[in-house]
Structure formats: C-alpha cells, structure tokens
C-alpha cells in the first residue's frame, strides 16, 4: 500500500491511523489549553490546523469516514457555527 506518515495502508488502516493522529492532536490541544489557560490563542489555531490536515487526508482516502467527518465538523464548530454549517452544506448527500 501507499505509505504516509510512516504507516502502511492495509484495508483502511491508514485512514484509522490518520483519524487517531488527529484525535491525539486535539486531545493534546485540550490539555495544553487547560494547562496554559489565558496564555494566548496562537497554539490552539496551530493544533486545529494540524488535526484538520489529518482529518482531510483521511477523507481524501475514504470520503465516507464518519470519524474524520465528525472531527472536521467539531473543528469548524469551534471556529464558528457558520463554518460548520458551510462545511456540512457543501458535502455530497451520500455523506
């Protein structure tokens, strides 16, 4: 299979690993936010961008990946309800 971020693709394993990587970035983001409350907003934006990239990569490989879709919607919801709605309204009906 195709290797990305050092992981071989074996029947959806890569997509699962990409989603897991994004979720770990988000967990780290939440912990950092708790630890550094009030220290500024730059770090959360970088963490969301990293997680978003992993979710998007998983969706390119598997457009119906529900975990990646939910992850992206959560990121966009944190940005603004309008961003989440715009993303959802742009999805094909099959997703």
PDB file of N, CA and C in Angstrom:
ATOM      1  N   UNK A   1       0.830  -1.197   0.000  1.00  0.00           N
ATOM      2  CA  UNK A   1       0.000   0.000   0.000  1.00  0.00           C
ATOM      3  C   UNK A   1       0.860   1.240   0.000  1.00  0.00           C
ATOM      4  N   UNK A   2       0.218   2.363  -0.014  1.00  0.00           N
ATOM      5  CA  UNK A   2       0.889   3.654  -0.015  1.00  0.00           C
ATOM      6  C   UNK A   2       1.267   4.036   1.409  1.00  0.00           C
ATOM      7  N   UNK A   3       2.471   4.497   1.595  1.00  0.00           N
ATOM      8  CA  UNK A   3       2.919   4.908   2.927  1.00  0.00           C
ATOM      9  C   UNK A   3       2.716   6.410   3.093  1.00  0.00           C
ATOM     10  N   UNK A   4       2.181   6.798   4.226  1.00  0.00           N
ATOM     11  CA  UNK A   4       2.041   8.203   4.589  1.00  0.00           C
ATOM     12  C   UNK A   4       2.260   8.300   6.087  1.00  0.00           C
ATOM     13  N   UNK A   5       2.974   9.283   6.485  1.00  0.00           N
ATOM     14  CA  UNK A   5       3.400   9.454   7.871  1.00  0.00           C
ATOM     15  C   UNK A   5       3.914   8.157   8.473  1.00  0.00           C
ATOM     16  N   UNK A   6       4.593   7.346   7.645  1.00  0.00           N
ATOM     17  CA  UNK A   6       5.245   6.149   8.131  1.00  0.00           C
ATOM     18  C   UNK A   6       4.330   4.980   8.421  1.00  0.00           C
ATOM     19  N   UNK A   7       3.130   4.971   7.858  1.00  0.00           N
ATOM     20  CA  UNK A   7       2.161   3.913   8.138  1.00  0.00           C
ATOM     21  C   UNK A   7       1.761   3.256   6.829  1.00  0.00           C
ATOM     22  N   UNK A   8       1.798   1.950   6.766  1.00  0.00           N
ATOM     23  CA  UNK A   8       1.368   1.227   5.573  1.00  0.00           C
ATOM     24  C   UNK A   8      -0.154   1.107   5.572  1.00  0.00           C
ATOM     25  N   UNK A   9      -0.758   1.216   4.405  1.00  0.00           N
ATOM     26  CA  UNK A   9      -2.205   1.094   4.257  1.00  0.00           C
ATOM     27  C   UNK A   9      -2.585  -0.362   4.065  1.00  0.00           C
ATOM     28  N   UNK A  10      -3.350  -0.901   4.969  1.00  0.00           N
ATOM     29  CA  UNK A  10      -3.825  -2.273   4.860  1.00  0.00           C
ATOM     30  C   UNK A  10      -5.322  -2.289   5.124  1.00  0.00           C
ATOM     31  N   UNK A  11      -6.118  -2.085   4.071  1.00  0.00           N
ATOM     32  CA  UNK A  11      -7.556  -2.174   4.195  1.00  0.00           C
ATOM     33  C   UNK A  11      -8.163  -1.174   5.158  1.00  0.00           C
ATOM     34  N   UNK A  12      -7.846   0.103   4.996  1.00  0.00           N
ATOM     35  CA  UNK A  12      -8.439   1.130   5.837  1.00  0.00           C
ATOM     36  C   UNK A  12      -7.619   1.464   7.068  1.00  0.00           C
ATOM     37  N   UNK A  13      -6.531   0.764   7.291  1.00  0.00           N
ATOM     38  CA  UNK A  13      -5.709   1.020   8.480  1.00  0.00           C
ATOM     39  C   UNK A  13      -5.123   2.430   8.451  1.00  0.00           C
ATOM     40  N   UNK A  14      -4.733   2.913   7.280  1.00  0.00           N
ATOM     41  CA  UNK A  14      -4.156   4.250   7.184  1.00  0.00           C
ATOM     42  C   UNK A  14      -5.185   5.300   7.584  1.00  0.00           C
ATOM     43  N   UNK A  15      -6.411   5.175   7.094  1.00  0.00           N
ATOM     44  CA  UNK A  15      -7.444   6.140   7.435  1.00  0.00           C
ATOM     45  C   UNK A  15      -7.675   6.154   8.943  1.00  0.00           C
ATOM     46  N   UNK A  16      -7.697   4.964   9.557  1.00  0.00           N
ATOM     47  CA  UNK A  16      -7.875   4.882  11.004  1.00  0.00           C
ATOM     48  C   UNK A  16      -6.723   5.557  11.731  1.00  0.00           C
ATOM     49  N   UNK A  17      -5.501   5.357  11.247  1.00  0.00           N
ATOM     50  CA  UNK A  17      -4.334   5.973  11.874  1.00  0.00           C
ATOM     51  C   UNK A  17      -4.350   7.493  11.712  1.00  0.00           C
ATOM     52  N   UNK A  18      -4.812   7.988  10.567  1.00  0.00           N
ATOM     53  CA  UNK A  18      -4.903   9.430  10.360  1.00  0.00           C
ATOM     54  C   UNK A  18      -5.910  10.053  11.313  1.00  0.00           C
ATOM     55  N   UNK A  19      -7.052   9.399  11.474  1.00  0.00           N
ATOM     56  CA  UNK A  19      -8.070   9.896  12.405  1.00  0.00           C
ATOM     57  C   UNK A  19      -7.525   9.855  13.826  1.00  0.00           C
ATOM     58  N   UNK A  20      -6.849   8.778  14.193  1.00  0.00           N
ATOM     59  CA  UNK A  20      -6.261   8.680  15.527  1.00  0.00           C
ATOM     60  C   UNK A  20      -5.244   9.794  15.753  1.00  0.00           C
ATOM     61  N   UNK A  21      -4.410  10.063  14.757  1.00  0.00           N
ATOM     62  CA  UNK A  21      -3.418  11.137  14.884  1.00  0.00           C
ATOM     63  C   UNK A  21      -4.110  12.478  15.108  1.00  0.00           C
ATOM     64  N   UNK A  22      -5.176  12.730  14.360  1.00  0.00           N
ATOM     65  CA  UNK A  22      -5.922  13.984  14.522  1.00  0.00           C
ATOM     66  C   UNK A  22      -6.542  14.068  15.910  1.00  0.00           C
ATOM     67  N   UNK A  23      -7.108  12.952  16.385  1.00  0.00           N
ATOM     68  CA  UNK A  23      -7.720  12.946  17.711  1.00  0.00           C
ATOM     69  C   UNK A  23      -6.668  13.175  18.796  1.00  0.00           C
ATOM     70  N   UNK A  24      -5.480  12.601  18.628  1.00  0.00           N
ATOM     71  CA  UNK A  24      -4.408  12.820  19.599  1.00  0.00           C
ATOM     72  C   UNK A  24      -3.967  14.282  19.617  1.00  0.00           C
ATOM     73  N   UNK A  25      -3.907  14.906  18.438  1.00  0.00           N
ATOM     74  CA  UNK A  25      -3.571  16.329  18.374  1.00  0.00           C
ATOM     75  C   UNK A  25      -4.635  17.132  19.112  1.00  0.00           C
ATOM     76  N   UNK A  26      -5.902  16.776  18.915  1.00  0.00           N
ATOM     77  CA  UNK A  26      -6.972  17.501  19.594  1.00  0.00           C
ATOM     78  C   UNK A  26      -6.935  17.287  21.104  1.00  0.00           C
ATOM     79  N   UNK A  27      -6.641  16.066  21.551  1.00  0.00           N
ATOM     80  CA  UNK A  27      -6.536  15.801  22.987  1.00  0.00           C
ATOM     81  C   UNK A  27      -5.392  16.617  23.581  1.00  0.00           C
ATOM     82  N   UNK A  28      -4.248  16.630  22.897  1.00  0.00           N
ATOM     83  CA  UNK A  28      -3.111  17.415  23.354  1.00  0.00           C
ATOM     84  C   UNK A  28      -3.476  18.890  23.399  1.00  0.00           C
ATOM     85  N   UNK A  29      -4.232  19.343  22.408  1.00  0.00           N
ATOM     86  CA  UNK A  29      -4.684  20.736  22.355  1.00  0.00           C
ATOM     87  C   UNK A  29      -5.534  21.069  23.571  1.00  0.00           C
ATOM     88  N   UNK A  30      -6.475  20.183  23.915  1.00  0.00           N
ATOM     89  CA  UNK A  30      -7.339  20.443  25.073  1.00  0.00           C
ATOM     90  C   UNK A  30      -6.530  20.456  26.364  1.00  0.00           C
ATOM     91  N   UNK A  31      -5.577  19.539  26.510  1.00  0.00           N
ATOM     92  CA  UNK A  31      -4.747  19.508  27.715  1.00  0.00           C
ATOM     93  C   UNK A  31      -3.886  20.758  27.810  1.00  0.00           C
ATOM     94  N   UNK A  32      -3.304  21.171  26.683  1.00  0.00           N
ATOM     95  CA  UNK A  32      -2.489  22.381  26.666  1.00  0.00           C
ATOM     96  C   UNK A  32      -3.328  23.591  27.018  1.00  0.00           C
ATOM     97  N   UNK A  33      -4.548  23.647  26.506  1.00  0.00           N
ATOM     98  CA  UNK A  33      -5.435  24.762  26.811  1.00  0.00           C
ATOM     99  C   UNK A  33      -5.750  24.805  28.305  1.00  0.00           C
ATOM    100  N   UNK A  34      -5.950  23.646  28.917  1.00  0.00           N
ATOM    101  CA  UNK A  34      -6.208  23.606  30.360  1.00  0.00           C
ATOM    102  C   UNK A  34      -4.970  24.030  31.149  1.00  0.00           C
ATOM    103  N   UNK A  35      -3.806  23.566  30.718  1.00  0.00           N
ATOM    104  CA  UNK A  35      -2.562  23.880  31.415  1.00  0.00           C
ATOM    105  C   UNK A  35      -2.169  25.345  31.271  1.00  0.00           C
ATOM    106  N   UNK A  36      -2.432  25.918  30.093  1.00  0.00           N
ATOM    107  CA  UNK A  36      -1.957  27.267  29.770  1.00  0.00           C
ATOM    108  C   UNK A  36      -3.099  28.267  29.610  1.00  0.00           C
ATOM    109  N   UNK A  37      -4.171  28.083  30.352  1.00  0.00           N
ATOM    110  CA  UNK A  37      -5.344  28.960  30.216  1.00  0.00           C
ATOM    111  C   UNK A  37      -4.916  30.423  30.323  1.00  0.00           C
ATOM    112  N   UNK A  38      -5.338  31.195  29.321  1.00  0.00           N
ATOM    113  CA  UNK A  38      -5.053  32.617  29.328  1.00  0.00           C
ATOM    114  C   UNK A  38      -3.723  33.009  28.709  1.00  0.00           C
ATOM    115  N   UNK A  39      -2.967  32.072  28.151  1.00  0.00           N
ATOM    116  CA  UNK A  39      -1.653  32.398  27.590  1.00  0.00           C
ATOM    117  C   UNK A  39      -1.700  32.836  26.122  1.00  0.00           C
ATOM    118  N   UNK A  40      -2.859  32.963  25.529  1.00  0.00           N
ATOM    119  CA  UNK A  40      -2.957  33.394  24.137  1.00  0.00           C
ATOM    120  C   UNK A  40      -3.654  32.363  23.283  1.00  0.00           C
ATOM    121  N   UNK A  41      -3.985  32.748  22.054  1.00  0.00           N
ATOM    122  CA  UNK A  41      -4.784  31.900  21.177  1.00  0.00           C
ATOM    123  C   UNK A  41      -4.013  31.328  20.002  1.00  0.00           C
ATOM    124  N   UNK A  42      -2.717  31.503  19.916  1.00  0.00           N
ATOM    125  CA  UNK A  42      -1.962  31.044  18.751  1.00  0.00           C
ATOM    126  C   UNK A  42      -1.869  29.528  18.726  1.00  0.00           C
ATOM    127  N   UNK A  43      -1.521  28.897  19.829  1.00  0.00           N
ATOM    128  CA  UNK A  43      -1.322  27.448  19.880  1.00  0.00           C
ATOM    129  C   UNK A  43      -2.578  26.663  19.490  1.00  0.00           C
ATOM    130  N   UNK A  44      -3.779  27.008  20.012  1.00  0.00           N
ATOM    131  CA  UNK A  44      -4.965  26.254  19.589  1.00  0.00           C
ATOM    132  C   UNK A  44      -5.194  26.299  18.088  1.00  0.00           C
ATOM    133  N   UNK A  45      -4.909  27.416  17.444  1.00  0.00           N
ATOM    134  CA  UNK A  45      -5.088  27.509  15.997  1.00  0.00           C
ATOM    135  C   UNK A  45      -4.146  26.561  15.274  1.00  0.00           C
ATOM    136  N   UNK A  46      -2.907  26.455  15.746  1.00  0.00           N
ATOM    137  CA  UNK A  46      -1.949  25.540  15.127  1.00  0.00           C
ATOM    138  C   UNK A  46      -2.385  24.095  15.326  1.00  0.00           C
ATOM    139  N   UNK A  47      -2.872  23.758  16.521  1.00  0.00           N
ATOM    140  CA  UNK A  47      -3.323  22.402  16.793  1.00  0.00           C
ATOM    141  C   UNK A  47      -4.531  22.043  15.937  1.00  0.00           C
ATOM    142  N   UNK A  48      -5.485  22.956  15.813  1.00  0.00           N
ATOM    143  CA  UNK A  48      -6.644  22.696  14.961  1.00  0.00           C
ATOM    144  C   UNK A  48      -6.222  22.512  13.516  1.00  0.00           C
ATOM    145  N   UNK A  49      -5.256  23.296  13.056  1.00  0.00           N
ATOM    146  CA  UNK A  49      -4.793  23.168  11.678  1.00  0.00           C
ATOM    147  C   UNK A  49      -4.143  21.801  11.454  1.00  0.00           C
ATOM    148  N   UNK A  50      -3.382  21.325  12.424  1.00  0.00           N
ATOM    149  CA  UNK A  50      -2.753  20.006  12.292  1.00  0.00           C
ATOM    150  C   UNK A  50      -3.815  18.911  12.273  1.00  0.00           C
ATOM    151  N   UNK A  51      -4.760  18.972  13.197  1.00  0.00           N
ATOM    152  CA  UNK A  51      -5.818  17.967  13.248  1.00  0.00           C
ATOM    153  C   UNK A  51      -6.652  18.009  11.972  1.00  0.00           C
ATOM    154  N   UNK A  52      -6.964  19.213  11.504  1.00  0.00           N
ATOM    155  CA  UNK A  52      -7.741  19.361  10.270  1.00  0.00           C
ATOM    156  C   UNK A  52      -7.035  18.686   9.103  1.00  0.00           C
ATOM    157  N   UNK A  53      -5.713  18.843   9.014  1.00  0.00           N
ATOM    158  CA  UNK A  53      -4.951  18.215   7.942  1.00  0.00           C
ATOM    159  C   UNK A  53      -5.041  16.695   7.978  1.00  0.00           C
ATOM    160  N   UNK A  54      -4.941  16.116   9.174  1.00  0.00           N
ATOM    161  CA  UNK A  54      -5.056  14.664   9.298  1.00  0.00           C
ATOM    162  C   UNK A  54      -6.452  14.191   8.897  1.00  0.00           C
ATOM    163  N   UNK A  55      -7.483  14.904   9.374  1.00  0.00           N
ATOM    164  CA  UNK A  55      -8.862  14.525   9.021  1.00  0.00           C
ATOM    165  C   UNK A  55      -9.082  14.623   7.514  1.00  0.00           C
ATOM    166  N   UNK A  56      -8.594  15.700   6.898  1.00  0.00           N
ATOM    167  CA  UNK A  56      -8.778  15.866   5.455  1.00  0.00           C
ATOM    168  C   UNK A  56      -8.044  14.783   4.675  1.00  0.00           C
ATOM    169  N   UNK A  57      -6.863  14.400   5.136  1.00  0.00           N
ATOM    170  CA  UNK A  57      -6.124  13.330   4.459  1.00  0.00           C
ATOM    171  C   UNK A  57      -6.898  12.017   4.557  1.00  0.00           C
ATOM    172  N   UNK A  58      -7.480  11.743   5.721  1.00  0.00           N
ATOM    173  CA  UNK A  58      -8.280  10.531   5.891  1.00  0.00           C
ATOM    174  C   UNK A  58      -9.488  10.564   4.959  1.00  0.00           C
ATOM    175  N   UNK A  59     -10.119  11.728   4.811  1.00  0.00           N
ATOM    176  CA  UNK A  59     -11.295  11.837   3.938  1.00  0.00           C
ATOM    177  C   UNK A  59     -10.938  11.723   2.466  1.00  0.00           C
ATOM    178  N   UNK A  60      -9.754  12.180   2.079  1.00  0.00           N
ATOM    179  CA  UNK A  60      -9.343  12.013   0.673  1.00  0.00           C
ATOM    180  C   UNK A  60      -9.222  10.524   0.344  1.00  0.00           C
ATOM    181  N   UNK A  61      -8.759   9.753   1.303  1.00  0.00           N
ATOM    182  CA  UNK A  61      -8.578   8.319   1.084  1.00  0.00           C
ATOM    183  C   UNK A  61      -9.884   7.552   1.263  1.00  0.00           C
ATOM    184  N   UNK A  62     -10.765   8.035   2.143  1.00  0.00           N
ATOM    185  CA  UNK A  62     -12.036   7.373   2.425  1.00  0.00           C
ATOM    186  C   UNK A  62     -13.091   8.451   2.663  1.00  0.00           C
ATOM    187  N   UNK A  63     -13.759   8.920   1.588  1.00  0.00           N
ATOM    188  CA  UNK A  63     -14.703  10.032   1.705  1.00  0.00           C
ATOM    189  C   UNK A  63     -15.863   9.789   2.680  1.00  0.00           C
ATOM    190  N   UNK A  64     -16.156   8.547   2.993  1.00  0.00           N
ATOM    191  CA  UNK A  64     -17.255   8.257   3.911  1.00  0.00           C
ATOM    192  C   UNK A  64     -16.815   8.024   5.346  1.00  0.00           C
ATOM    193  N   UNK A  65     -15.586   8.386   5.691  1.00  0.00           N
ATOM    194  CA  UNK A  65     -15.059   8.144   7.035  1.00  0.00           C
ATOM    195  C   UNK A  65     -15.779   9.037   8.042  1.00  0.00           C
ATOM    196  N   UNK A  66     -16.689   8.425   8.801  1.00  0.00           N
ATOM    197  CA  UNK A  66     -17.519   9.167   9.744  1.00  0.00           C
ATOM    198  C   UNK A  66     -16.727   9.827  10.853  1.00  0.00           C
ATOM    199  N   UNK A  67     -15.685   9.179  11.331  1.00  0.00           N
ATOM    200  CA  UNK A  67     -14.865   9.773  12.400  1.00  0.00           C
ATOM    201  C   UNK A  67     -14.170  11.040  11.913  1.00  0.00           C
ATOM    202  N   UNK A  68     -13.647  11.000  10.693  1.00  0.00           N
ATOM    203  CA  UNK A  68     -12.978  12.171  10.138  1.00  0.00           C
ATOM    204  C   UNK A  68     -13.985  13.296   9.880  1.00  0.00           C
ATOM    205  N   UNK A  69     -15.160  12.942   9.375  1.00  0.00           N
ATOM    206  CA  UNK A  69     -16.197  13.957   9.153  1.00  0.00           C
ATOM    207  C   UNK A  69     -16.588  14.638  10.466  1.00  0.00           C
ATOM    208  N   UNK A  70     -16.821  13.825  11.502  1.00  0.00           N
ATOM    209  CA  UNK A  70     -17.186  14.397  12.806  1.00  0.00           C
ATOM    210  C   UNK A  70     -16.063  15.269  13.356  1.00  0.00           C
ATOM    211  N   UNK A  71     -14.827  14.814  13.180  1.00  0.00           N
ATOM    212  CA  UNK A  71     -13.696  15.600  13.654  1.00  0.00           C
ATOM    213  C   UNK A  71     -13.611  16.957  12.987  1.00  0.00           C
ATOM    214  N   UNK A  72     -13.777  16.979  11.668  1.00  0.00           N
ATOM    215  CA  UNK A  72     -13.748  18.263  10.956  1.00  0.00           C
ATOM    216  C   UNK A  72     -14.888  19.172  11.389  1.00  0.00           C
ATOM    217  N   UNK A  73     -16.067  18.610  11.539  1.00  0.00           N
ATOM    218  CA  UNK A  73     -17.208  19.417  11.969  1.00  0.00           C
ATOM    219  C   UNK A  73     -16.939  20.003  13.359  1.00  0.00           C
ATOM    220  N   UNK A  74     -16.338  19.218  14.249  1.00  0.00           N
ATOM    221  CA  UNK A  74     -16.013  19.730  15.583  1.00  0.00           C
ATOM    222  C   UNK A  74     -15.028  20.887  15.515  1.00  0.00           C
ATOM    223  N   UNK A  75     -14.008  20.754  14.654  1.00  0.00           N
ATOM    224  CA  UNK A  75     -13.045  21.851  14.488  1.00  0.00           C
ATOM    225  C   UNK A  75     -13.750  23.091  13.962  1.00  0.00           C
ATOM    226  N   UNK A  76     -14.566  22.913  12.918  1.00  0.00           N
ATOM    227  CA  UNK A  76     -15.245  24.063  12.327  1.00  0.00           C
ATOM    228  C   UNK A  76     -16.255  24.667  13.296  1.00  0.00           C
ATOM    229  N   UNK A  77     -16.873  23.839  14.118  1.00  0.00           N
ATOM    230  CA  UNK A  77     -17.824  24.331  15.118  1.00  0.00           C
ATOM    231  C   UNK A  77     -17.096  25.206  16.144  1.00  0.00           C
ATOM    232  N   UNK A  78     -15.880  24.800  16.528  1.00  0.00           N
ATOM    233  CA  UNK A  78     -15.104  25.631  17.466  1.00  0.00           C
ATOM    234  C   UNK A  78     -14.758  26.977  16.836  1.00  0.00           C
ATOM    235  N   UNK A  79     -14.518  26.975  15.533  1.00  0.00           N
ATOM    236  CA  UNK A  79     -14.196  28.227  14.850  1.00  0.00           C
ATOM    237  C   UNK A  79     -15.429  29.123  14.818  1.00  0.00           C
ATOM    238  N   UNK A  80     -16.545  28.568  14.378  1.00  0.00           N
ATOM    239  CA  UNK A  80     -17.829  29.284  14.372  1.00  0.00           C
ATOM    240  C   UNK A  80     -18.908  28.342  13.854  1.00  0.00           C
ATOM    241  N   UNK A  81     -20.131  28.511  14.336  1.00  0.00           N
ATOM    242  CA  UNK A  81     -21.231  27.682  13.813  1.00  0.00           C
ATOM    243  C   UNK A  81     -21.408  27.846  12.306  1.00  0.00           C
ATOM    244  N   UNK A  82     -21.104  29.034  11.800  1.00  0.00           N
ATOM    245  CA  UNK A  82     -21.242  29.287  10.369  1.00  0.00           C
ATOM    246  C   UNK A  82     -20.249  28.442   9.567  1.00  0.00           C
ATOM    247  N   UNK A  83     -19.022  28.286  10.076  1.00  0.00           N
ATOM    248  CA  UNK A  83     -18.030  27.451   9.382  1.00  0.00           C
ATOM    249  C   UNK A  83     -18.487  26.004   9.324  1.00  0.00           C
ATOM    250  N   UNK A  84     -19.028  25.504  10.427  1.00  0.00           N
ATOM    251  CA  UNK A  84     -19.509  24.120  10.464  1.00  0.00           C
ATOM    252  C   UNK A  84     -20.668  23.937   9.492  1.00  0.00           C
ATOM    253  N   UNK A  85     -21.602  24.881   9.496  1.00  0.00           N
ATOM    254  CA  UNK A  85     -22.755  24.792   8.601  1.00  0.00           C
ATOM    255  C   UNK A  85     -22.325  24.870   7.137  1.00  0.00           C
ATOM    256  N   UNK A  86     -21.377  25.744   6.837  1.00  0.00           N
ATOM    257  CA  UNK A  86     -20.890  25.868   5.456  1.00  0.00           C
ATOM    258  C   UNK A  86     -20.239  24.564   5.006  1.00  0.00           C
ATOM    259  N   UNK A  87     -19.458  23.945   5.882  1.00  0.00           N
ATOM    260  CA  UNK A  87     -18.814  22.679   5.535  1.00  0.00           C
ATOM    261  C   UNK A  87     -19.861  21.599   5.310  1.00  0.00           C
ATOM    262  N   UNK A  88     -20.800  21.476   6.220  1.00  0.00           N
ATOM    263  CA  UNK A  88     -21.840  20.438   6.110  1.00  0.00           C
ATOM    264  C   UNK A  88     -22.700  20.648   4.868  1.00  0.00           C
ATOM    265  N   UNK A  89     -23.029  21.873   4.564  1.00  0.00           N
ATOM    266  CA  UNK A  89     -23.885  22.114   3.394  1.00  0.00           C
ATOM    267  C   UNK A  89     -23.154  21.830   2.080  1.00  0.00           C
ATOM    268  N   UNK A  90     -21.815  21.825   2.112  1.00  0.00           N
ATOM    269  CA  UNK A  90     -21.037  21.545   0.912  1.00  0.00           C
ATOM    270  C   UNK A  90     -20.786  20.062   0.672  1.00  0.00           C
ATOM    271  N   UNK A  91     -21.164  19.215   1.634  1.00  0.00           N
ATOM    272  CA  UNK A  91     -20.942  17.765   1.485  1.00  0.00           C
ATOM    273  C   UNK A  91     -21.957  17.152   0.516  1.00  0.00           C
ATOM    274  N   UNK A  92     -21.523  16.176  -0.248  1.00  0.00           N
ATOM    275  CA  UNK A  92     -22.488  15.434  -1.071  1.00  0.00           C
ATOM    276  C   UNK A  92     -23.509  14.739  -0.165  1.00  0.00           C
ATOM    277  N   UNK A  93     -24.694  14.535  -0.664  1.00  0.00           N
ATOM    278  CA  UNK A  93     -25.772  13.947   0.128  1.00  0.00           C
ATOM    279  C   UNK A  93     -25.440  12.562   0.669  1.00  0.00           C
ATOM    280  N   UNK A  94     -24.544  11.821   0.029  1.00  0.00           N
ATOM    281  CA  UNK A  94     -24.212  10.457   0.468  1.00  0.00           C
ATOM    282  C   UNK A  94     -23.404  10.460   1.757  1.00  0.00           C
ATOM    283  N   UNK A  95     -22.831  11.597   2.160  1.00  0.00           N
ATOM    284  CA  UNK A  95     -22.018  11.660   3.368  1.00  0.00           C
ATOM    285  C   UNK A  95     -22.882  12.150   4.492  1.00  0.00           C
TER     286      UNK A  95
END
